[in-house]
């Protein structure tokens, strides 16, 4: 997995500021991607709470596809794109990470997050693919079905974990905390 070094733009900073205001978190956890990390670190400082970077919540490594638009990939490699949408768990981008490995690492991170931070209000700044893996786990659905969820920029997906380890989806696509 290669963390993105692309910084968050001004519009993204505004979106995340609105989305996280007036949230109250005990800890802020972030993907190593600059788009998540830079904002998360400053938010944790402002809230005076711990800040943790966890690579398991990094975006999937799409290898040779990094930096290409969906349109360009559809034009150049339509068979692979169909494979991604119709058999996502068997998908591997050219010179990238296997979807199965991506799902396994996110699920391991999610399990640890629930165990280590039980009873705490955690903010995880991460990516659409990671959110889909978590949604699939929480809702006990196939990952492929999680592709039906729209995951917009700077939106909140709220999950509650109960003392017995069960989880529920409280909200998805929320515009703010």
C-alpha atoms as a PDB file:
ATOM      1  CA  UNK A   1       0.000   0.000   0.000  1.00  0.00           C
ATOM      2  CA  UNK A   2       1.340   3.409  -0.994  1.00  0.00           C
ATOM      3  CA  UNK A   3      -0.153   6.317   0.971  1.00  0.00           C
ATOM      4  CA  UNK A   4      -1.267   9.174  -1.230  1.00  0.00           C
ATOM      5  CA  UNK A   5       0.858  12.271  -0.907  1.00  0.00           C
ATOM      6  CA  UNK A   6      -1.770  14.408  -2.617  1.00  0.00           C
ATOM      7  CA  UNK A   7      -2.740  17.197  -0.199  1.00  0.00           C
ATOM      8  CA  UNK A   8      -6.283  18.127   0.631  1.00  0.00           C
ATOM      9  CA  UNK A   9      -7.406  21.176  -1.342  1.00  0.00           C
ATOM     10  CA  UNK A  10      -9.067  24.288   0.101  1.00  0.00           C
ATOM     11  CA  UNK A  11     -12.536  22.988  -0.753  1.00  0.00           C
ATOM     12  CA  UNK A  12     -11.759  19.714   1.037  1.00  0.00           C
ATOM     13  CA  UNK A  13     -10.559  21.561   4.147  1.00  0.00           C
ATOM     14  CA  UNK A  14     -13.831  23.504   4.216  1.00  0.00           C
ATOM     15  CA  UNK A  15     -15.904  20.346   3.698  1.00  0.00           C
ATOM     16  CA  UNK A  16     -14.141  18.459   6.493  1.00  0.00           C
ATOM     17  CA  UNK A  17     -14.296  21.440   8.840  1.00  0.00           C
ATOM     18  CA  UNK A  18     -18.069  21.653   8.364  1.00  0.00           C
ATOM     19  CA  UNK A  19     -18.502  17.874   8.618  1.00  0.00           C
ATOM     20  CA  UNK A  20     -16.586  17.558  11.894  1.00  0.00           C
ATOM     21  CA  UNK A  21     -17.910  20.677  13.582  1.00  0.00           C
ATOM     22  CA  UNK A  22     -19.065  20.533  16.428  1.00  0.00           C
ATOM     23  CA  UNK A  23     -18.036  16.883  16.922  1.00  0.00           C
ATOM     24  CA  UNK A  24     -16.628  15.625  20.183  1.00  0.00           C
ATOM     25  CA  UNK A  25     -14.231  12.702  19.942  1.00  0.00           C
ATOM     26  CA  UNK A  26     -12.005  10.938  22.425  1.00  0.00           C
ATOM     27  CA  UNK A  27      -9.489  10.009  19.731  1.00  0.00           C
ATOM     28  CA  UNK A  28      -8.883  10.800  16.068  1.00  0.00           C
ATOM     29  CA  UNK A  29      -7.555   7.993  13.857  1.00  0.00           C
ATOM     30  CA  UNK A  30      -6.422   8.599  10.297  1.00  0.00           C
ATOM     31  CA  UNK A  31      -5.306   6.921   7.133  1.00  0.00           C
ATOM     32  CA  UNK A  32      -1.680   7.786   6.305  1.00  0.00           C
ATOM     33  CA  UNK A  33      -2.868   9.597   3.162  1.00  0.00           C
ATOM     34  CA  UNK A  34      -2.159  13.325   3.354  1.00  0.00           C
ATOM     35  CA  UNK A  35      -5.767  14.067   2.373  1.00  0.00           C
ATOM     36  CA  UNK A  36      -6.837  12.507   5.679  1.00  0.00           C
ATOM     37  CA  UNK A  37      -3.743  12.819   7.857  1.00  0.00           C
ATOM     38  CA  UNK A  38      -3.122  16.560   7.678  1.00  0.00           C
ATOM     39  CA  UNK A  39      -6.683  17.509   8.593  1.00  0.00           C
ATOM     40  CA  UNK A  40      -7.002  14.774  11.249  1.00  0.00           C
ATOM     41  CA  UNK A  41      -3.774  15.817  13.002  1.00  0.00           C
ATOM     42  CA  UNK A  42      -4.861  19.439  13.263  1.00  0.00           C
ATOM     43  CA  UNK A  43      -8.368  18.466  14.395  1.00  0.00           C
ATOM     44  CA  UNK A  44      -6.925  16.260  17.149  1.00  0.00           C
ATOM     45  CA  UNK A  45      -4.706  19.146  18.275  1.00  0.00           C
ATOM     46  CA  UNK A  46      -7.686  21.509  18.350  1.00  0.00           C
ATOM     47  CA  UNK A  47      -9.751  18.985  20.330  1.00  0.00           C
ATOM     48  CA  UNK A  48      -6.775  18.162  22.574  1.00  0.00           C
ATOM     49  CA  UNK A  49      -7.239  14.442  22.018  1.00  0.00           C
ATOM     50  CA  UNK A  50      -4.910  11.647  20.907  1.00  0.00           C
ATOM     51  CA  UNK A  51      -4.102  11.261  17.217  1.00  0.00           C
ATOM     52  CA  UNK A  52      -3.197   7.904  15.669  1.00  0.00           C
ATOM     53  CA  UNK A  53      -2.219   7.039  12.099  1.00  0.00           C
ATOM     54  CA  UNK A  54      -3.164   3.482  11.156  1.00  0.00           C
ATOM     55  CA  UNK A  55      -2.016   2.254   7.732  1.00  0.00           C
ATOM     56  CA  UNK A  56      -4.685  -0.452   7.759  1.00  0.00           C
ATOM     57  CA  UNK A  57      -7.230   2.291   7.048  1.00  0.00           C
ATOM     58  CA  UNK A  58      -5.308   3.516   4.005  1.00  0.00           C
ATOM     59  CA  UNK A  59      -6.957   3.486   0.615  1.00  0.00           C
ATOM     60  CA  UNK A  60      -6.565   0.456  -1.595  1.00  0.00           C
ATOM     61  CA  UNK A  61      -3.393   0.510  -3.674  1.00  0.00           C
ATOM     62  CA  UNK A  62      -4.678   0.680  -7.247  1.00  0.00           C
ATOM     63  CA  UNK A  63      -1.160   0.354  -8.667  1.00  0.00           C
ATOM     64  CA  UNK A  64      -0.934   1.545 -12.276  1.00  0.00           C
ATOM     65  CA  UNK A  65      -4.406   3.064 -12.032  1.00  0.00           C
ATOM     66  CA  UNK A  66      -3.368   5.687  -9.482  1.00  0.00           C
ATOM     67  CA  UNK A  67      -3.944   9.147 -10.902  1.00  0.00           C
ATOM     68  CA  UNK A  68      -6.191   7.929 -13.733  1.00  0.00           C
ATOM     69  CA  UNK A  69      -9.863   8.838 -13.973  1.00  0.00           C
ATOM     70  CA  UNK A  70     -12.615   6.208 -13.938  1.00  0.00           C
ATOM     71  CA  UNK A  71     -13.456   7.232 -17.503  1.00  0.00           C
ATOM     72  CA  UNK A  72      -9.894   6.673 -18.719  1.00  0.00           C
ATOM     73  CA  UNK A  73      -9.701   3.283 -17.033  1.00  0.00           C
ATOM     74  CA  UNK A  74     -13.072   2.230 -18.511  1.00  0.00           C
ATOM     75  CA  UNK A  75     -11.784   3.218 -21.953  1.00  0.00           C
ATOM     76  CA  UNK A  76      -8.401   1.497 -21.578  1.00  0.00           C
ATOM     77  CA  UNK A  77      -9.288  -1.592 -19.545  1.00  0.00           C
ATOM     78  CA  UNK A  78     -13.050  -2.225 -19.589  1.00  0.00           C
ATOM     79  CA  UNK A  79     -12.683  -5.938 -18.750  1.00  0.00           C
ATOM     80  CA  UNK A  80     -10.778  -5.179 -15.553  1.00  0.00           C
ATOM     81  CA  UNK A  81     -13.281  -2.509 -14.534  1.00  0.00           C
ATOM     82  CA  UNK A  82     -16.125  -4.992 -15.050  1.00  0.00           C
ATOM     83  CA  UNK A  83     -14.201  -7.472 -12.948  1.00  0.00           C
ATOM     84  CA  UNK A  84     -13.904  -4.856 -10.184  1.00  0.00           C
ATOM     85  CA  UNK A  85     -17.668  -4.257 -10.142  1.00  0.00           C
ATOM     86  CA  UNK A  86     -18.919  -7.807 -10.666  1.00  0.00           C
ATOM     87  CA  UNK A  87     -16.295  -9.858  -8.810  1.00  0.00           C
ATOM     88  CA  UNK A  88     -14.631  -7.321  -6.539  1.00  0.00           C
ATOM     89  CA  UNK A  89     -13.178  -9.789  -4.031  1.00  0.00           C
ATOM     90  CA  UNK A  90     -11.142 -11.413  -6.822  1.00  0.00           C
ATOM     91  CA  UNK A  91      -9.953  -8.096  -8.241  1.00  0.00           C
ATOM     92  CA  UNK A  92      -6.323  -6.967  -8.429  1.00  0.00           C
ATOM     93  CA  UNK A  93      -5.422  -3.698 -10.158  1.00  0.00           C
ATOM     94  CA  UNK A  94      -2.347  -3.845 -12.404  1.00  0.00           C
ATOM     95  CA  UNK A  95       0.662  -3.733 -10.049  1.00  0.00           C
ATOM     96  CA  UNK A  96      -1.713  -3.005  -7.170  1.00  0.00           C
ATOM     97  CA  UNK A  97      -3.124  -4.576  -4.061  1.00  0.00           C
ATOM     98  CA  UNK A  98      -5.442  -7.568  -4.194  1.00  0.00           C
ATOM     99  CA  UNK A  99      -8.963  -6.671  -3.079  1.00  0.00           C
ATOM    100  CA  UNK A 100      -8.974  -9.676  -0.743  1.00  0.00           C
ATOM    101  CA  UNK A 101      -5.803  -8.382   0.974  1.00  0.00           C
ATOM    102  CA  UNK A 102      -7.304  -4.887   1.207  1.00  0.00           C
ATOM    103  CA  UNK A 103     -10.490  -6.231   2.811  1.00  0.00           C
ATOM    104  CA  UNK A 104      -8.507  -8.387   5.239  1.00  0.00           C
ATOM    105  CA  UNK A 105      -6.323  -5.489   6.420  1.00  0.00           C
ATOM    106  CA  UNK A 106      -9.275  -3.124   6.861  1.00  0.00           C
ATOM    107  CA  UNK A 107     -11.273  -5.742   8.774  1.00  0.00           C
ATOM    108  CA  UNK A 108      -8.266  -6.412  11.037  1.00  0.00           C
ATOM    109  CA  UNK A 109      -7.926  -2.674  11.696  1.00  0.00           C
ATOM    110  CA  UNK A 110     -11.656  -2.363  12.347  1.00  0.00           C
ATOM    111  CA  UNK A 111     -11.600  -5.264  14.833  1.00  0.00           C
ATOM    112  CA  UNK A 112      -8.645  -3.752  16.687  1.00  0.00           C
ATOM    113  CA  UNK A 113     -10.274  -0.313  16.703  1.00  0.00           C
ATOM    114  CA  UNK A 114     -13.393  -1.782  18.318  1.00  0.00           C
ATOM    115  CA  UNK A 115     -11.374  -3.707  20.919  1.00  0.00           C
ATOM    116  CA  UNK A 116      -8.818  -1.048  21.817  1.00  0.00           C
ATOM    117  CA  UNK A 117     -11.186   1.929  21.884  1.00  0.00           C
ATOM    118  CA  UNK A 118     -14.290   0.232  23.288  1.00  0.00           C
ATOM    119  CA  UNK A 119     -16.591   2.764  24.934  1.00  0.00           C
ATOM    120  CA  UNK A 120     -14.845   5.732  23.319  1.00  0.00           C
ATOM    121  CA  UNK A 121     -16.121   8.112  20.684  1.00  0.00           C
ATOM    122  CA  UNK A 122     -13.693   7.589  17.774  1.00  0.00           C
ATOM    123  CA  UNK A 123     -13.362   9.637  14.602  1.00  0.00           C
ATOM    124  CA  UNK A 124     -11.785   7.698  11.735  1.00  0.00           C
ATOM    125  CA  UNK A 125     -10.789   9.783   8.705  1.00  0.00           C
ATOM    126  CA  UNK A 126     -10.453   7.415   5.781  1.00  0.00           C
ATOM    127  CA  UNK A 127     -11.524   6.581   2.227  1.00  0.00           C
ATOM    128  CA  UNK A 128     -14.612   5.331   0.388  1.00  0.00           C
ATOM    129  CA  UNK A 129     -13.300   1.788  -0.085  1.00  0.00           C
ATOM    130  CA  UNK A 130     -12.449   1.477   3.601  1.00  0.00           C
ATOM    131  CA  UNK A 131     -15.898   2.770   4.538  1.00  0.00           C
ATOM    132  CA  UNK A 132     -17.482   0.183   2.242  1.00  0.00           C
ATOM    133  CA  UNK A 133     -15.511  -2.626   3.929  1.00  0.00           C
ATOM    134  CA  UNK A 134     -16.691  -1.402   7.345  1.00  0.00           C
ATOM    135  CA  UNK A 135     -20.294  -1.078   6.122  1.00  0.00           C
ATOM    136  CA  UNK A 136     -20.207  -4.622   4.735  1.00  0.00           C
ATOM    137  CA  UNK A 137     -18.899  -5.914   8.076  1.00  0.00           C
ATOM    138  CA  UNK A 138     -21.364  -3.940  10.205  1.00  0.00           C
ATOM    139  CA  UNK A 139     -24.360  -4.860   8.038  1.00  0.00           C
ATOM    140  CA  UNK A 140     -23.149  -8.449   7.516  1.00  0.00           C
ATOM    141  CA  UNK A 141     -23.436  -8.166   3.730  1.00  0.00           C
ATOM    142  CA  UNK A 142     -21.127  -9.130   0.893  1.00  0.00           C
ATOM    143  CA  UNK A 143     -18.538  -6.501   0.018  1.00  0.00           C
ATOM    144  CA  UNK A 144     -19.964  -6.378  -3.501  1.00  0.00           C
ATOM    145  CA  UNK A 145     -23.269  -5.120  -2.091  1.00  0.00           C
ATOM    146  CA  UNK A 146     -21.495  -2.292  -0.307  1.00  0.00           C
ATOM    147  CA  UNK A 147     -20.674  -0.878  -3.749  1.00  0.00           C
ATOM    148  CA  UNK A 148     -24.332   0.187  -3.880  1.00  0.00           C
ATOM    149  CA  UNK A 149     -23.690   2.754  -1.147  1.00  0.00           C
ATOM    150  CA  UNK A 150     -22.703   6.213  -2.287  1.00  0.00           C
ATOM    151  CA  UNK A 151     -19.784   7.428  -0.222  1.00  0.00           C
ATOM    152  CA  UNK A 152     -19.358  11.165  -0.690  1.00  0.00           C
ATOM    153  CA  UNK A 153     -16.485  13.383   0.294  1.00  0.00           C
ATOM    154  CA  UNK A 154     -16.511  14.687   3.863  1.00  0.00           C
ATOM    155  CA  UNK A 155     -19.600  12.789   4.917  1.00  0.00           C
ATOM    156  CA  UNK A 156     -20.044  10.982   8.185  1.00  0.00           C
ATOM    157  CA  UNK A 157     -20.855   7.300   8.534  1.00  0.00           C
ATOM    158  CA  UNK A 158     -21.767   6.650  12.154  1.00  0.00           C
ATOM    159  CA  UNK A 159     -21.460   3.176  13.653  1.00  0.00           C
ATOM    160  CA  UNK A 160     -22.244   2.153  17.215  1.00  0.00           C
ATOM    161  CA  UNK A 161     -20.462  -0.776  18.843  1.00  0.00           C
ATOM    162  CA  UNK A 162     -22.211  -2.291  21.834  1.00  0.00           C
ATOM    163  CA  UNK A 163     -20.476  -3.848  24.866  1.00  0.00           C
ATOM    164  CA  UNK A 164     -21.188  -7.355  23.515  1.00  0.00           C
ATOM    165  CA  UNK A 165     -19.310  -6.505  20.297  1.00  0.00           C
ATOM    166  CA  UNK A 166     -22.401  -6.185  18.109  1.00  0.00           C
ATOM    167  CA  UNK A 167     -22.590  -3.139  15.862  1.00  0.00           C
ATOM    168  CA  UNK A 168     -25.296  -1.059  14.254  1.00  0.00           C
ATOM    169  CA  UNK A 169     -25.310   1.541  11.529  1.00  0.00           C
ATOM    170  CA  UNK A 170     -26.581   4.773  13.058  1.00  0.00           C
ATOM    171  CA  UNK A 171     -26.288   6.875   9.909  1.00  0.00           C
ATOM    172  CA  UNK A 172     -24.548   7.054   6.559  1.00  0.00           C
ATOM    173  CA  UNK A 173     -23.864   9.991   4.282  1.00  0.00           C
ATOM    174  CA  UNK A 174     -24.485  12.477   7.065  1.00  0.00           C
ATOM    175  CA  UNK A 175     -23.350  16.001   6.207  1.00  0.00           C
ATOM    176  CA  UNK A 176     -21.910  16.693   9.665  1.00  0.00           C
ATOM    177  CA  UNK A 177     -21.128  15.231  13.073  1.00  0.00           C
END
